[in-house]
N, C-alpha and C. Protein backbone atom coordinates (compact mmCIF):
# COMPACT_ATOMS: atom_id res chain seq x y z
N MET A 1 0.20 72.05 -22.51
CA MET A 1 -1.01 71.64 -22.58
C MET A 1 -1.76 71.85 -23.82
N ASN A 2 -2.91 70.80 -23.85
CA ASN A 2 -3.53 71.15 -25.22
C ASN A 2 -4.72 72.03 -24.88
N GLU A 3 -5.17 72.50 -25.87
CA GLU A 3 -6.49 73.39 -26.14
C GLU A 3 -7.70 72.83 -25.41
N LEU A 4 -7.94 71.81 -25.47
CA LEU A 4 -9.10 70.95 -24.99
C LEU A 4 -9.17 71.20 -23.16
N SER A 5 -7.83 71.11 -22.46
CA SER A 5 -7.85 71.21 -21.26
C SER A 5 -8.23 72.60 -20.62
N HIS A 6 -8.44 73.31 -21.71
CA HIS A 6 -8.87 74.76 -21.01
C HIS A 6 -10.12 75.09 -21.36
N LYS A 7 -10.97 74.09 -21.96
CA LYS A 7 -12.50 74.11 -22.20
C LYS A 7 -13.34 73.97 -20.87
N ASN A 8 -14.36 74.91 -20.88
CA ASN A 8 -15.33 74.45 -19.95
C ASN A 8 -16.48 73.57 -20.26
N TRP A 9 -16.47 72.26 -20.18
CA TRP A 9 -17.05 71.36 -20.61
C TRP A 9 -18.38 71.65 -20.23
N SER A 10 -18.86 72.19 -19.07
CA SER A 10 -20.45 71.96 -18.67
C SER A 10 -20.73 73.30 -19.24
N ALA A 11 -20.29 74.04 -19.85
CA ALA A 11 -20.63 75.45 -20.86
C ALA A 11 -20.88 75.08 -22.30
N MET A 12 -20.49 73.80 -22.63
CA MET A 12 -20.47 73.42 -24.09
C MET A 12 -21.94 72.81 -24.61
N SER A 13 -22.52 73.15 -25.73
CA SER A 13 -23.92 72.69 -26.02
C SER A 13 -23.73 71.02 -26.10
N ASP A 14 -24.81 70.58 -25.95
CA ASP A 14 -24.73 68.89 -26.31
C ASP A 14 -24.16 68.60 -27.73
N LYS A 15 -24.54 69.31 -28.64
CA LYS A 15 -23.98 69.28 -30.00
C LYS A 15 -22.78 69.56 -30.12
N ALA A 16 -21.86 70.50 -29.31
CA ALA A 16 -20.64 71.01 -29.50
C ALA A 16 -19.75 69.67 -28.66
N LEU A 17 -20.54 68.87 -27.82
CA LEU A 17 -19.86 67.99 -27.07
C LEU A 17 -19.81 66.63 -27.89
N ILE A 18 -20.57 66.58 -28.55
CA ILE A 18 -20.85 65.18 -29.59
C ILE A 18 -19.92 65.30 -30.39
N GLU A 19 -19.62 66.43 -31.03
CA GLU A 19 -18.81 66.79 -32.44
C GLU A 19 -17.34 66.78 -31.64
N GLN A 20 -17.13 66.90 -30.55
CA GLN A 20 -15.46 66.88 -29.80
C GLN A 20 -15.56 65.10 -30.04
N PHE A 21 -16.50 64.70 -29.22
CA PHE A 21 -16.15 62.94 -29.32
C PHE A 21 -16.08 62.55 -30.94
N GLY A 22 -16.72 63.27 -31.85
CA GLY A 22 -16.16 62.81 -33.29
C GLY A 22 -15.22 63.14 -33.81
N ALA A 23 -14.29 64.50 -33.19
CA ALA A 23 -13.15 64.90 -33.73
C ALA A 23 -11.91 64.20 -32.93
N PHE A 24 -12.12 63.45 -31.65
CA PHE A 24 -11.31 62.84 -30.97
C PHE A 24 -11.34 61.45 -31.78
N VAL A 25 -12.41 60.78 -32.26
CA VAL A 25 -12.46 59.44 -32.77
C VAL A 25 -11.75 59.66 -34.28
N LYS A 26 -11.83 60.80 -34.93
CA LYS A 26 -11.12 60.94 -36.37
C LYS A 26 -9.79 61.34 -35.95
N HIS A 27 -9.45 62.10 -34.87
CA HIS A 27 -7.99 62.34 -34.78
C HIS A 27 -7.16 60.88 -34.47
N HIS A 28 -7.78 60.01 -33.77
CA HIS A 28 -6.91 58.76 -33.41
C HIS A 28 -6.89 58.04 -34.62
N ARG A 29 -7.84 57.79 -35.15
CA ARG A 29 -8.28 57.02 -36.46
C ARG A 29 -7.12 57.49 -37.28
N LEU A 30 -6.85 58.94 -37.63
CA LEU A 30 -6.00 59.30 -38.51
C LEU A 30 -4.47 58.85 -38.13
N ARG A 31 -4.29 58.99 -36.76
CA ARG A 31 -2.86 59.01 -36.15
C ARG A 31 -2.58 57.25 -36.33
N GLN A 32 -3.55 56.89 -36.38
CA GLN A 32 -3.23 55.16 -36.64
C GLN A 32 -3.15 54.91 -37.95
N ASN A 33 -3.62 55.72 -38.89
CA ASN A 33 -3.20 55.67 -40.25
C ASN A 33 -4.47 54.76 -40.73
N LYS A 34 -5.57 54.66 -40.31
CA LYS A 34 -6.70 53.64 -40.62
C LYS A 34 -7.54 54.58 -41.43
N THR A 35 -8.38 53.89 -42.54
CA THR A 35 -9.41 54.42 -43.04
C THR A 35 -10.77 54.32 -42.39
N GLN A 36 -11.50 55.20 -43.03
CA GLN A 36 -13.14 54.87 -42.20
C GLN A 36 -13.48 53.46 -42.55
N GLN A 37 -13.30 52.89 -43.54
CA GLN A 37 -13.58 51.72 -44.10
C GLN A 37 -13.09 50.59 -43.38
N SER A 38 -11.91 50.95 -43.13
CA SER A 38 -11.13 49.38 -42.05
C SER A 38 -11.34 49.53 -40.79
N LEU A 39 -11.78 50.78 -40.27
CA LEU A 39 -12.03 51.02 -38.78
C LEU A 39 -13.23 51.02 -38.64
N ALA A 40 -14.40 51.01 -39.35
CA ALA A 40 -15.90 50.92 -39.42
C ALA A 40 -15.86 49.27 -39.47
N GLU A 41 -15.21 48.52 -40.04
CA GLU A 41 -15.27 46.89 -40.61
C GLU A 41 -14.64 46.04 -39.23
N GLU A 42 -13.73 47.06 -38.45
CA GLU A 42 -13.11 46.21 -37.28
C GLU A 42 -13.99 46.30 -35.95
N ALA A 43 -14.81 47.55 -36.34
CA ALA A 43 -15.62 47.82 -35.09
C ALA A 43 -17.11 47.42 -35.38
N GLY A 44 -16.89 46.73 -36.31
CA GLY A 44 -18.52 46.15 -36.62
C GLY A 44 -19.75 46.95 -36.99
N ILE A 45 -19.28 47.98 -37.66
CA ILE A 45 -20.30 49.17 -38.01
C ILE A 45 -20.33 49.42 -39.28
N SER A 46 -20.84 50.01 -39.97
CA SER A 46 -21.08 50.66 -41.34
C SER A 46 -20.04 51.94 -41.37
N ARG A 47 -19.84 52.11 -42.41
CA ARG A 47 -18.63 53.16 -42.86
C ARG A 47 -19.75 54.64 -42.77
N SER A 48 -20.66 54.85 -43.17
CA SER A 48 -21.61 55.61 -42.69
C SER A 48 -21.82 56.11 -41.48
N THR A 49 -22.05 54.90 -40.87
CA THR A 49 -22.37 55.39 -39.20
C THR A 49 -20.98 55.90 -38.50
N LEU A 50 -20.00 55.45 -38.74
CA LEU A 50 -18.53 56.21 -38.45
C LEU A 50 -18.57 57.42 -39.11
N SER A 51 -18.69 57.69 -40.00
CA SER A 51 -18.89 59.08 -40.53
C SER A 51 -19.91 60.02 -39.85
N LEU A 52 -20.90 59.65 -39.56
CA LEU A 52 -21.73 60.43 -38.89
C LEU A 52 -21.24 60.63 -37.18
N LEU A 53 -20.45 59.77 -36.77
CA LEU A 53 -19.78 59.98 -35.47
C LEU A 53 -18.48 60.93 -35.88
N GLU A 54 -17.85 60.60 -36.68
CA GLU A 54 -16.88 61.78 -36.74
C GLU A 54 -17.59 62.92 -37.13
N ARG A 55 -18.35 63.14 -37.82
CA ARG A 55 -19.11 64.55 -38.29
C ARG A 55 -19.81 64.95 -36.95
N GLY A 56 -19.94 64.45 -35.77
CA GLY A 56 -20.60 64.86 -34.63
C GLY A 56 -22.20 64.68 -34.72
N GLU A 57 -22.50 63.95 -35.50
CA GLU A 57 -24.25 63.59 -35.49
C GLU A 57 -24.20 62.27 -34.49
N THR A 58 -25.46 61.95 -34.02
CA THR A 58 -26.13 61.43 -32.89
C THR A 58 -25.76 59.92 -33.51
N VAL A 59 -25.05 59.15 -32.71
CA VAL A 59 -25.08 57.66 -32.83
C VAL A 59 -25.13 57.18 -31.42
N THR A 60 -25.18 55.78 -31.36
CA THR A 60 -25.46 55.25 -29.96
C THR A 60 -24.00 55.04 -29.06
N ILE A 61 -24.58 55.04 -27.74
CA ILE A 61 -23.01 55.00 -26.97
C ILE A 61 -22.34 53.47 -27.31
N LEU A 62 -23.28 52.61 -27.34
CA LEU A 62 -22.76 51.49 -28.01
C LEU A 62 -21.65 51.63 -29.20
N THR A 63 -22.23 52.33 -30.14
CA THR A 63 -21.21 52.64 -31.50
C THR A 63 -19.77 53.21 -31.04
N PHE A 64 -20.24 53.98 -30.18
CA PHE A 64 -18.70 54.97 -29.59
C PHE A 64 -17.92 53.93 -29.08
N ILE A 65 -18.18 53.07 -28.16
CA ILE A 65 -17.54 52.29 -27.40
C ILE A 65 -16.79 51.26 -28.38
N GLN A 66 -17.48 50.42 -29.44
CA GLN A 66 -16.86 49.86 -30.30
C GLN A 66 -15.65 50.79 -30.91
N VAL A 67 -16.01 51.89 -31.38
CA VAL A 67 -15.15 52.31 -32.15
C VAL A 67 -13.86 52.61 -31.22
N LEU A 68 -14.01 53.05 -29.95
CA LEU A 68 -12.94 53.44 -28.68
C LEU A 68 -12.39 52.11 -28.51
N ARG A 69 -12.73 50.84 -28.63
CA ARG A 69 -12.30 49.60 -28.33
C ARG A 69 -11.20 49.52 -29.58
N VAL A 70 -11.75 49.35 -30.85
CA VAL A 70 -10.87 48.98 -31.83
C VAL A 70 -9.64 50.13 -31.73
N LEU A 71 -9.97 51.51 -31.60
CA LEU A 71 -8.53 52.65 -31.66
C LEU A 71 -7.92 52.39 -30.03
N ASP A 72 -7.98 51.48 -29.36
CA ASP A 72 -7.43 51.15 -28.02
C ASP A 72 -7.42 52.35 -27.29
N GLN A 73 -8.45 53.10 -27.16
CA GLN A 73 -8.64 54.27 -26.56
C GLN A 73 -9.91 54.28 -25.40
N LEU A 74 -10.14 52.84 -24.75
CA LEU A 74 -11.15 52.58 -23.77
C LEU A 74 -10.50 53.45 -22.44
N HIS A 75 -9.32 53.59 -22.30
CA HIS A 75 -8.87 53.80 -21.32
C HIS A 75 -9.70 55.20 -20.73
N ILE A 76 -10.20 55.94 -21.76
CA ILE A 76 -10.88 57.27 -21.35
C ILE A 76 -12.33 57.18 -20.51
N MET A 77 -12.42 55.92 -20.29
CA MET A 77 -13.62 55.61 -19.87
C MET A 77 -13.18 55.47 -18.39
N ASN A 78 -11.82 55.65 -17.79
CA ASN A 78 -11.60 55.71 -16.57
C ASN A 78 -12.26 56.63 -15.72
N VAL A 79 -12.90 57.84 -16.16
CA VAL A 79 -13.39 59.26 -15.56
C VAL A 79 -14.70 58.55 -14.74
N PHE A 80 -15.21 57.34 -15.68
CA PHE A 80 -16.66 56.90 -15.27
C PHE A 80 -16.39 56.18 -14.05
N ARG A 81 -15.33 55.65 -13.59
CA ARG A 81 -15.21 55.00 -12.73
C ARG A 81 -15.29 55.19 -11.31
N ILE A 82 -16.19 54.53 -10.45
CA ILE A 82 -16.99 54.66 -8.73
C ILE A 82 -15.90 54.03 -8.00
N GLU A 83 -15.52 54.85 -7.43
CA GLU A 83 -14.77 54.69 -6.10
C GLU A 83 -15.25 55.03 -4.68
N GLU A 84 -15.63 53.85 -4.27
CA GLU A 84 -16.29 53.94 -2.75
C GLU A 84 -15.13 54.76 -1.91
N SER A 85 -15.70 55.62 -1.23
CA SER A 85 -14.75 56.51 -0.62
C SER A 85 -15.48 56.57 0.99
N ILE A 86 -14.24 56.58 2.11
CA ILE A 86 -15.23 56.55 3.36
C ILE A 86 -15.26 58.10 3.93
N SER A 87 -16.14 58.50 4.66
CA SER A 87 -15.96 60.07 5.26
C SER A 87 -15.23 59.65 6.37
N PRO A 88 -14.33 61.09 6.54
CA PRO A 88 -13.71 61.41 7.96
C PRO A 88 -14.31 60.72 9.30
N ILE A 89 -15.56 61.23 9.06
CA ILE A 89 -16.29 61.22 10.28
C ILE A 89 -16.53 59.39 10.73
N ALA A 90 -16.94 58.79 9.47
CA ALA A 90 -17.20 57.23 9.51
C ALA A 90 -15.78 56.68 9.92
N LEU A 91 -14.74 57.16 9.29
CA LEU A 91 -13.54 56.62 9.70
C LEU A 91 -13.18 56.94 11.13
N ALA A 92 -13.26 57.86 11.77
CA ALA A 92 -12.97 58.21 13.02
C ALA A 92 -14.15 57.25 13.86
N LYS A 93 -15.14 56.97 13.44
CA LYS A 93 -15.62 56.06 14.24
C LYS A 93 -15.55 54.79 14.27
N LEU A 94 -15.11 53.96 13.09
CA LEU A 94 -14.36 52.85 12.91
C LEU A 94 -13.05 52.50 13.92
N GLU A 95 -12.27 53.90 13.78
CA GLU A 95 -10.93 53.53 14.44
C GLU A 95 -11.43 53.67 15.74
N LYS A 96 -12.49 54.34 16.40
CA LYS A 96 -12.65 54.46 17.72
C LYS A 96 -13.31 52.98 18.35
N GLU A 97 -13.70 52.20 17.43
CA GLU A 97 -14.17 50.90 17.79
C GLU A 97 -13.33 49.82 17.63
N LYS A 98 -12.23 50.22 17.09
CA LYS A 98 -10.96 49.06 17.13
C LYS A 98 -10.69 48.52 18.52
N ARG A 99 -10.25 47.65 18.81
CA ARG A 99 -9.88 46.88 20.01
C ARG A 99 -8.53 47.63 20.22
N GLN A 100 -8.24 48.03 21.52
CA GLN A 100 -7.09 48.79 21.75
C GLN A 100 -5.89 47.76 22.42
N ARG A 101 -6.50 46.99 23.16
CA ARG A 101 -5.57 45.83 23.88
C ARG A 101 -6.66 44.81 23.91
N ALA A 102 -5.61 43.41 23.92
CA ALA A 102 -6.13 42.17 24.15
C ALA A 102 -6.76 41.92 25.46
N GLY A 103 -7.70 41.11 25.52
CA GLY A 103 -7.94 40.69 26.94
C GLY A 103 -9.51 39.89 26.91
N ARG A 104 -9.67 39.52 28.09
CA ARG A 104 -11.03 38.83 27.89
C ARG A 104 -12.00 39.38 27.65
N ARG A 105 -12.88 39.05 27.01
CA ARG A 105 -14.26 39.72 26.55
C ARG A 105 -15.27 38.52 27.18
N GLY A 106 -16.07 39.39 27.89
CA GLY A 106 -17.45 38.52 28.21
C GLY A 106 -17.25 37.28 29.36
N SER A 107 -18.28 36.75 30.23
CA SER A 107 -17.97 35.79 31.03
C SER A 107 -17.80 34.09 30.38
N ASP A 108 -18.30 34.04 29.19
CA ASP A 108 -18.06 33.04 28.74
C ASP A 108 -16.73 32.46 28.31
N ASN A 109 -15.86 33.33 28.18
CA ASN A 109 -14.39 32.87 27.72
C ASN A 109 -13.73 33.17 28.82
N GLN A 110 -14.04 33.19 30.26
CA GLN A 110 -13.26 33.07 31.25
C GLN A 110 -13.18 32.15 31.60
N GLN A 111 -11.96 31.65 32.28
CA GLN A 111 -11.47 30.37 32.68
C GLN A 111 -11.13 30.40 34.30
N THR A 112 -11.70 29.89 34.80
CA THR A 112 -11.10 29.77 36.09
C THR A 112 -9.63 29.36 36.40
N ASN A 113 -9.13 29.93 37.48
CA ASN A 113 -7.79 29.29 38.05
C ASN A 113 -7.90 28.38 38.92
N GLU A 114 -7.69 27.09 38.88
CA GLU A 114 -7.68 26.36 39.98
C GLU A 114 -6.33 26.23 40.77
N TRP A 115 -5.55 27.12 41.12
CA TRP A 115 -4.31 26.67 41.84
C TRP A 115 -4.74 26.92 43.25
């Protein structure tokens, strides 16, 4: 496990969180052997803006997303996915309402037998 998995994210200050984002970007930039200039150009931002991000200074979320896209790290956005789930009580109600057997419903579907 890496050291970040043991961090209490909610106990961190906003500044510390932003610094962590910057460290993440810098780490992945260096692993991909990209210069700040080349990454900034690919992301459509200035090198100074990328430098601000890596130092943990305030940048827009759009800038962060642009950089993540170029670094092929957008998968981290999966934590923001909203998945609808049904409560056990609602599921039980739906199961109860399901038909249990085939048969005629209502009088308009009934056919008279003329034997």
